[in-house]
Protein backbone atom coordinates (compact mmCIF):
# COMPACT_ATOMS: atom_id res chain seq x y z
CA MET A 1 -2.08 0.63 -18.78
CA LYS A 2 -2.06 -3.04 -18.04
CA MET A 3 -5.01 -4.39 -15.39
CA ASN A 4 -4.55 -7.14 -13.25
CA PRO A 5 -6.95 -9.21 -11.32
CA LEU A 6 -7.45 -8.17 -7.54
CA GLY A 7 -7.24 -11.54 -6.53
CA GLN A 8 -10.40 -13.65 -6.93
CA SER A 9 -12.55 -10.47 -5.99
CA GLY A 10 -13.57 -10.18 -9.71
CA LEU A 11 -12.32 -6.78 -10.25
CA SER A 12 -9.42 -5.76 -12.04
CA VAL A 13 -6.85 -2.89 -10.86
CA SER A 14 -4.73 -0.74 -12.96
CA GLU A 15 -0.87 -2.04 -12.77
CA LEU A 16 -0.14 1.32 -10.90
CA ALA A 17 -2.31 2.65 -7.98
CA LEU A 18 -2.49 6.20 -7.09
CA GLY A 19 -1.40 6.39 -3.20
CA SER A 20 -2.45 9.55 -0.94
CA MET A 21 -1.13 9.51 1.87
CA THR A 22 0.18 13.16 1.84
CA TRP A 23 -3.03 14.63 0.55
CA GLY A 24 -4.04 17.24 3.29
CA THR A 25 -0.67 17.86 4.79
CA GLN A 26 2.12 18.11 2.03
CA THR A 27 -0.41 18.24 -0.94
CA PRO A 28 -2.93 20.60 -0.72
CA GLU A 29 -6.34 19.63 -2.00
CA ASP A 30 -6.43 21.33 -4.99
CA GLU A 31 -3.13 19.77 -6.28
CA ALA A 32 -4.72 16.20 -5.21
CA HIS A 33 -7.63 16.78 -7.49
CA VAL A 34 -5.20 17.25 -10.32
CA GLN A 35 -3.37 14.49 -9.40
CA ILE A 36 -6.87 12.30 -9.24
CA ASP A 37 -7.81 13.66 -12.96
CA MET A 38 -4.26 12.95 -14.24
CA ALA A 39 -4.07 9.79 -12.85
CA LEU A 40 -7.65 8.62 -14.38
CA GLU A 41 -6.58 9.97 -17.76
CA ARG A 42 -3.57 7.77 -17.99
CA GLY A 43 -5.17 4.78 -17.31
CA VAL A 44 -5.16 4.29 -13.36
CA ASN A 45 -8.44 3.06 -11.80
CA ILE A 46 -7.36 2.85 -7.98
CA ILE A 47 -6.75 5.42 -5.39
CA ASP A 48 -5.36 3.99 -2.13
CA THR A 49 -5.99 5.77 1.26
CA ALA A 50 -6.83 5.11 4.98
CA GLU A 51 -8.40 6.32 7.63
CA MET A 52 -5.49 7.20 9.71
CA TYR A 53 -4.04 9.39 6.64
CA PRO A 54 -2.46 12.14 6.20
CA VAL A 55 1.09 11.69 7.24
CA ASN A 56 3.97 14.01 7.36
CA PRO A 57 3.06 14.57 10.04
CA LEU A 58 0.70 11.91 11.72
CA SER A 59 -1.66 13.90 14.06
CA LYS A 60 -4.79 13.44 15.80
CA GLU A 61 -5.90 16.88 14.31
CA THR A 62 -5.36 15.93 10.87
CA GLN A 63 -6.70 12.56 11.06
CA GLY A 64 -9.12 11.34 8.43
CA ASP A 65 -8.15 14.54 6.16
CA THR A 66 -6.86 12.46 3.34
CA GLU A 67 -10.07 11.14 3.06
CA ARG A 68 -12.12 14.21 3.27
CA VAL A 69 -9.87 15.43 0.38
CA ILE A 70 -10.91 12.36 -1.95
CA GLY A 71 -14.52 12.90 -0.86
CA ASN A 72 -14.72 16.23 -2.04
CA TRP A 73 -13.34 14.70 -5.14
CA VAL A 74 -16.25 12.13 -5.65
CA ALA A 75 -18.93 14.70 -4.42
CA ALA A 76 -17.77 17.07 -7.66
CA ASN A 77 -17.34 14.18 -9.83
CA LYS A 78 -20.43 11.89 -9.07
CA ALA A 79 -21.01 10.79 -12.86
CA ARG A 80 -17.10 9.32 -12.62
CA ARG A 81 -17.46 7.25 -9.19
CA GLY A 82 -17.57 3.89 -11.15
CA GLU A 83 -14.20 4.81 -13.07
CA VAL A 84 -12.17 4.39 -9.79
CA LEU A 85 -11.90 1.76 -7.31
CA LEU A 86 -11.59 3.52 -3.68
CA ALA A 87 -9.08 1.45 -1.48
CA THR A 88 -9.26 2.36 2.28
CA LYS A 89 -7.86 0.86 5.45
CA VAL A 90 -9.35 0.57 9.38
CA SER A 91 -6.79 1.44 11.98
CA GLY A 92 -5.68 -1.21 14.97
CA SER A 93 -3.91 -1.70 18.07
CA GLY A 94 -1.79 1.00 19.19
CA TYR A 95 -2.35 3.78 16.92
CA MET A 96 -3.48 6.31 19.56
CA ALA A 97 -4.92 9.26 17.04
CA VAL A 98 -7.54 7.07 16.31
CA ARG A 99 -10.13 5.45 18.73
CA ASP A 100 -7.29 5.66 21.41
CA GLY A 101 -5.48 2.67 19.62
CA ALA A 102 -8.68 0.43 20.11
CA PRO A 103 -7.67 -3.08 18.32
CA ILE A 104 -9.85 -3.99 15.37
CA SER A 105 -13.08 -5.55 16.04
CA ARG A 106 -16.95 -5.82 14.94
CA ALA A 107 -17.34 -2.83 16.83
CA THR A 108 -14.37 -0.52 15.55
CA ILE A 109 -14.88 -1.70 11.97
CA THR A 110 -18.48 -0.54 11.85
CA GLU A 111 -17.31 2.92 13.35
CA ALA A 112 -14.66 3.19 11.20
CA PHE A 113 -16.40 1.88 7.93
CA ASN A 114 -19.60 4.23 8.39
CA ASN A 115 -16.82 7.23 8.91
CA SER A 116 -15.15 6.42 6.07
CA LEU A 117 -18.13 6.21 3.82
CA ALA A 118 -19.25 9.65 5.03
CA SER A 119 -15.62 11.34 4.58
CA LEU A 120 -15.24 9.67 1.04
CA GLN A 121 -18.98 11.00 0.13
CA THR A 122 -19.77 7.42 -0.96
CA ASP A 123 -22.25 4.69 -0.99
CA TYR A 124 -19.79 1.84 -1.14
CA ILE A 125 -16.11 0.76 -0.76
CA ASP A 126 -14.39 -1.03 -3.32
CA LEU A 127 -11.44 -2.47 -1.33
CA TYR A 128 -11.21 -2.53 2.73
CA GLN A 129 -7.98 -3.44 4.14
CA LEU A 130 -6.87 -4.09 7.91
CA HIS A 131 -4.18 -1.93 8.36
CA TRP A 132 -2.06 -4.21 10.49
CA PRO A 133 -2.85 -7.05 12.20
CA ASN A 134 -4.03 -7.08 16.29
CA ARG A 135 -0.84 -9.27 17.14
CA GLY A 136 1.40 -7.45 15.58
CA SER A 137 3.63 -7.72 12.56
CA TYR A 138 7.31 -7.75 11.72
CA MET A 139 6.95 -4.74 9.31
CA PHE A 140 8.39 -1.44 9.30
CA ARG A 141 11.95 -2.91 10.57
CA GLN A 142 10.35 -5.00 13.29
CA ASN A 143 11.85 -7.89 11.26
CA TRP A 144 14.98 -7.21 12.91
CA THR A 145 13.51 -8.22 16.50
CA PHE A 146 10.61 -10.55 15.41
CA ASP A 147 9.51 -13.13 17.53
CA ALA A 148 6.24 -14.74 17.11
CA ARG A 149 6.07 -15.80 20.89
CA ASN A 150 5.50 -12.09 21.90
CA GLN A 151 2.48 -11.79 19.71
CA ALA A 152 -0.65 -10.92 21.75
CA GLY A 153 -3.12 -13.69 22.14
CA GLY A 154 -3.11 -17.24 21.06
CA LYS A 155 -4.35 -19.27 18.09
CA VAL A 156 -7.92 -19.80 19.56
CA GLU A 157 -8.26 -15.81 20.19
CA LEU A 158 -6.78 -15.55 16.56
CA HIS A 159 -9.34 -17.47 15.21
CA ASP A 160 -12.07 -15.82 17.03
CA HIS A 161 -11.24 -12.77 15.77
CA ILE A 162 -10.76 -13.51 12.04
CA GLY A 163 -14.40 -15.16 12.42
CA GLU A 164 -16.02 -12.23 14.08
CA VAL A 165 -13.87 -10.02 11.55
CA LEU A 166 -15.33 -11.72 8.57
CA GLU A 167 -18.51 -11.88 9.64
CA THR A 168 -18.84 -8.10 10.09
CA LEU A 169 -17.25 -7.64 6.46
CA ASP A 170 -19.72 -9.79 5.24
CA ASP A 171 -22.80 -8.05 6.40
CA LEU A 172 -21.30 -5.04 4.73
CA VAL A 173 -20.81 -7.10 1.61
CA ARG A 174 -24.33 -8.38 1.70
CA ALA A 175 -25.52 -4.63 2.43
CA GLY A 176 -23.92 -3.65 -1.04
CA LYS A 177 -22.06 -1.18 1.05
CA LEU A 178 -18.40 -3.46 0.11
CA ARG A 179 -16.89 -5.18 -2.61
CA ALA A 180 -13.84 -6.52 -1.69
CA ILE A 181 -11.31 -7.27 1.26
CA GLY A 182 -7.89 -7.23 2.13
CA LEU A 183 -4.97 -7.30 4.46
CA SER A 184 -2.13 -5.14 4.78
CA ASN A 185 1.28 -5.82 6.86
CA GLU A 186 0.54 -9.31 7.48
CA SER A 187 2.61 -12.48 6.93
CA ALA A 188 2.05 -15.73 5.18
CA TRP A 189 1.16 -17.25 8.17
CA GLY A 190 -1.41 -14.42 9.13
CA THR A 191 -2.79 -14.58 5.43
CA SER A 192 -3.16 -18.68 5.36
CA GLN A 193 -5.56 -18.27 8.46
CA TRP A 194 -7.74 -15.64 7.32
CA LEU A 195 -8.08 -17.85 3.91
CA ARG A 196 -8.51 -20.84 5.71
CA ILE A 197 -11.07 -19.69 8.42
CA ALA A 198 -12.83 -17.84 5.16
CA GLU A 199 -13.20 -21.22 3.18
CA GLU A 200 -14.58 -23.20 6.00
CA ARG A 201 -17.18 -20.84 7.06
CA GLY A 202 -18.31 -19.49 3.88
CA LEU A 203 -17.14 -16.10 4.45
CA PRO A 204 -15.42 -13.23 2.32
CA ARG A 205 -12.05 -14.13 1.30
CA MET A 206 -9.35 -11.60 1.49
CA ALA A 207 -8.42 -10.22 -1.99
CA SER A 208 -5.06 -8.80 -1.49
CA VAL A 209 -2.21 -8.02 1.03
CA GLN A 210 -0.43 -4.62 0.89
CA ASN A 211 2.81 -4.77 2.37
CA GLU A 212 6.04 -3.01 1.61
CA TYR A 213 7.89 -4.12 -1.40
CA SER A 214 10.79 -2.87 -3.90
CA LEU A 215 13.71 -3.44 -5.32
CA MET A 216 15.41 -2.54 -1.36
CA CYS A 217 12.75 -4.23 0.27
CA ARG A 218 11.84 -7.98 -0.88
CA HIS A 219 10.17 -9.62 2.20
CA TYR A 220 7.28 -10.79 0.16
CA ASP A 221 9.37 -12.56 -2.44
CA LEU A 222 9.40 -16.06 -0.83
CA ASP A 223 6.63 -17.38 1.49
CA LEU A 224 4.06 -14.84 0.74
CA GLY A 225 5.09 -14.70 -3.01
CA GLU A 226 4.18 -18.37 -2.77
CA LEU A 227 1.26 -17.82 -1.15
CA SER A 228 0.07 -15.01 -3.69
CA VAL A 229 0.58 -17.08 -6.47
CA HIS A 230 -1.44 -20.54 -5.80
CA GLU A 231 -3.85 -18.78 -3.56
CA GLY A 232 -4.70 -15.81 -5.95
CA VAL A 233 -4.10 -13.19 -3.46
CA GLY A 234 -2.69 -10.05 -5.20
CA LEU A 235 0.04 -7.87 -3.78
CA LEU A 236 -0.60 -4.09 -3.41
CA ALA A 237 3.13 -2.97 -2.90
CA PHE A 238 3.36 0.27 -0.69
CA SER A 239 6.82 1.92 -0.80
CA PRO A 240 7.77 0.75 -4.49
CA LEU A 241 9.88 3.69 -4.44
CA ALA A 242 11.39 3.00 -1.17
CA THR A 243 9.92 6.37 0.09
CA GLY A 244 11.84 8.36 -2.80
CA LEU A 245 15.44 6.57 -2.05
CA LEU A 246 15.07 4.76 -5.65
CA SER A 247 14.36 8.28 -7.15
CA GLY A 248 18.01 9.01 -6.63
CA LYS A 249 16.99 12.40 -4.90
CA TYR A 250 18.78 11.49 -1.94
CA LEU A 251 22.20 10.57 -3.43
CA GLY A 252 25.07 12.23 -1.80
CA ASP A 253 23.38 12.33 1.78
CA ALA A 254 20.97 15.16 0.37
CA THR A 255 17.70 16.10 1.44
CA PRO A 256 15.60 18.36 -0.69
CA GLU A 257 13.42 21.04 0.69
CA GLY A 258 9.94 19.58 1.16
CA SER A 259 10.82 16.10 0.66
CA ARG A 260 9.71 13.03 3.08
CA ARG A 261 13.08 13.21 4.59
CA SER A 262 12.75 16.68 5.29
CA PHE A 263 9.89 15.67 7.84
CA VAL A 264 11.08 12.18 8.89
CA SER A 265 14.95 12.03 8.78
CA ASN A 266 15.62 8.43 9.05
CA LEU A 267 12.90 7.66 6.69
CA GLY A 268 10.95 5.07 8.99
CA GLY A 269 14.44 3.39 9.94
CA ARG A 270 15.55 2.86 6.20
CA VAL A 271 18.32 5.28 6.38
CA ILE A 272 21.12 3.16 7.72
CA ASP A 273 25.00 2.66 6.43
CA THR A 274 23.88 -0.47 4.39
CA MET A 275 21.31 1.20 2.40
CA TRP A 276 23.28 3.94 0.74
CA PRO A 277 25.51 1.56 -1.63
CA ALA A 278 22.35 -0.30 -2.71
CA MET A 279 20.79 2.90 -3.11
CA GLU A 280 23.45 4.20 -5.26
CA ALA A 281 23.88 0.63 -7.21
CA TYR A 282 19.91 0.98 -8.11
CA VAL A 283 19.95 4.40 -9.41
CA GLY A 284 23.44 3.55 -10.91
CA VAL A 285 21.68 0.67 -13.00
CA ALA A 286 19.12 3.10 -14.34
CA ARG A 287 21.67 5.41 -15.58
CA LYS A 288 23.49 3.56 -17.37
CA HIS A 289 20.70 2.22 -19.44
CA GLY A 290 19.61 5.52 -19.95
CA LEU A 291 16.16 5.06 -17.93
CA ASP A 292 14.31 7.37 -15.58
CA PRO A 293 15.07 5.44 -11.95
CA CYS A 294 11.85 6.14 -10.31
CA GLN A 295 10.17 4.35 -14.01
CA MET A 296 12.65 1.64 -13.52
CA ALA A 297 11.94 0.88 -10.47
CA LEU A 298 7.86 1.02 -10.67
CA ALA A 299 8.12 -1.02 -13.86
CA TRP A 300 10.69 -3.58 -12.35
CA CYS A 301 7.57 -4.36 -9.76
CA GLY A 302 5.29 -4.98 -12.67
CA THR A 303 7.40 -8.16 -13.86
CA ARG A 304 7.14 -9.82 -10.48
CA PRO A 305 4.41 -12.80 -10.83
CA PHE A 306 2.31 -11.66 -7.39
CA MET A 307 1.96 -8.06 -8.18
CA ALA A 308 -1.47 -6.96 -8.66
CA SER A 309 -0.69 -2.89 -8.39
CA ALA A 310 2.01 -0.88 -7.32
CA ILE A 311 1.27 2.25 -5.01
CA PHE A 312 3.27 5.49 -5.12
CA GLY A 313 2.57 8.56 -4.11
CA ALA A 314 3.58 12.29 -5.50
CA THR A 315 3.46 15.38 -3.39
CA ARG A 316 3.55 17.55 -6.89
CA VAL A 317 2.15 17.02 -10.11
CA GLU A 318 5.10 17.05 -12.12
CA GLN A 319 6.27 13.84 -9.88
CA LEU A 320 3.54 11.97 -10.91
CA ASP A 321 3.71 12.68 -14.62
CA VAL A 322 7.00 11.21 -14.20
CA ALA A 323 5.81 7.83 -12.48
CA LEU A 324 3.04 7.40 -14.48
CA GLY A 325 5.75 7.02 -17.19
CA ALA A 326 6.40 3.54 -16.06
CA ALA A 327 3.39 2.12 -17.45
CA ASP A 328 5.02 2.47 -20.80
CA MET A 329 8.22 1.19 -20.29
CA THR A 330 9.42 -2.28 -20.94
CA LEU A 331 12.74 -3.66 -18.90
CA SER A 332 15.34 -5.29 -21.34
CA ASP A 333 16.83 -8.68 -20.20
CA GLU A 334 20.43 -6.81 -19.91
CA VAL A 335 18.20 -4.15 -17.43
CA MET A 336 16.68 -7.19 -15.52
CA ALA A 337 20.19 -8.90 -14.89
CA ASP A 338 21.95 -5.52 -13.62
CA LEU A 339 19.00 -5.42 -11.09
CA GLN A 340 19.48 -9.03 -10.10
CA ALA A 341 22.79 -8.42 -9.60
CA VAL A 342 22.86 -5.35 -7.11
CA PHE A 343 20.12 -7.78 -5.35
CA ARG A 344 22.60 -10.37 -5.00
CA LYS A 345 25.14 -7.96 -3.78
CA HIS A 346 22.64 -5.84 -1.42
CA PRO A 347 20.04 -8.31 -0.23
CA MET A 348 18.80 -6.61 2.75
CA PRO A 349 19.82 -2.99 2.41
CA TYR A 350 17.65 -1.97 5.76
């Protein structure tokens, strides 16, 4: 499997990353452990998780269970710890199931990081990410009403916050507990502030941004894409299969039993009228060329100039096996042209 640099951290990540957010709810622990073994055998070297997982549903009662599922695998495979990069995230403002929705700060990072070390049963974390900015984000369909004037705090407050967070993370790096840091659900302007203050103060540099990205969600292409290329910050793409829409399983407005849509009917605001023709067109490209639509969507992510890794999840081992096949797929010029034609016709499906 192709390996890509994780920003300027010195670490390398596989072009496909194993997502874990359903482990502990939809996916039982024993199957999650089989998935880890299979992914590592096929060349994946990074597992992405978060302290707030699992999802479907999200709840205070299950919060942290996904990290504990991974931690039990780590404990049973201590000799293999060096084979895998563990990436997790600290939650922030508004998510009441974790620290009653407290914003990210020195205190919350310290508490969250130590909890994650214990849950993951490890002495260090490879990549620690800020799940979303304290000031707010345009991600998760908030782009339709985004207005920067409504963000919490001002520029001075933001810079003070960035300095405090980077100093806290620097302490963890110096203590040998942390290897690299990253952002999530961030903007180009926000990322630039983190990079500038890190450079000015000699503090750790953000290696990655984990944002939604797929054939059907391409906000990253322009400003953030340019920043990624020129500043050496890699994209860790979440929802590269558009929550399963690009697999074709929802064609005809179907809702397969046990699918994500059976838990979240609108798939986080993605199920709207303009989505259906775009989904059908992309799946149609795969069928026209005799390709598996999941593999095509993941392989396409790998063609993007700013891509570090595409994070996908599988509720079943059979789905994982199919998705991992994307690493062996090269998209022809004809396929790429057809995908571009669909994009021009359906630039913003949701």
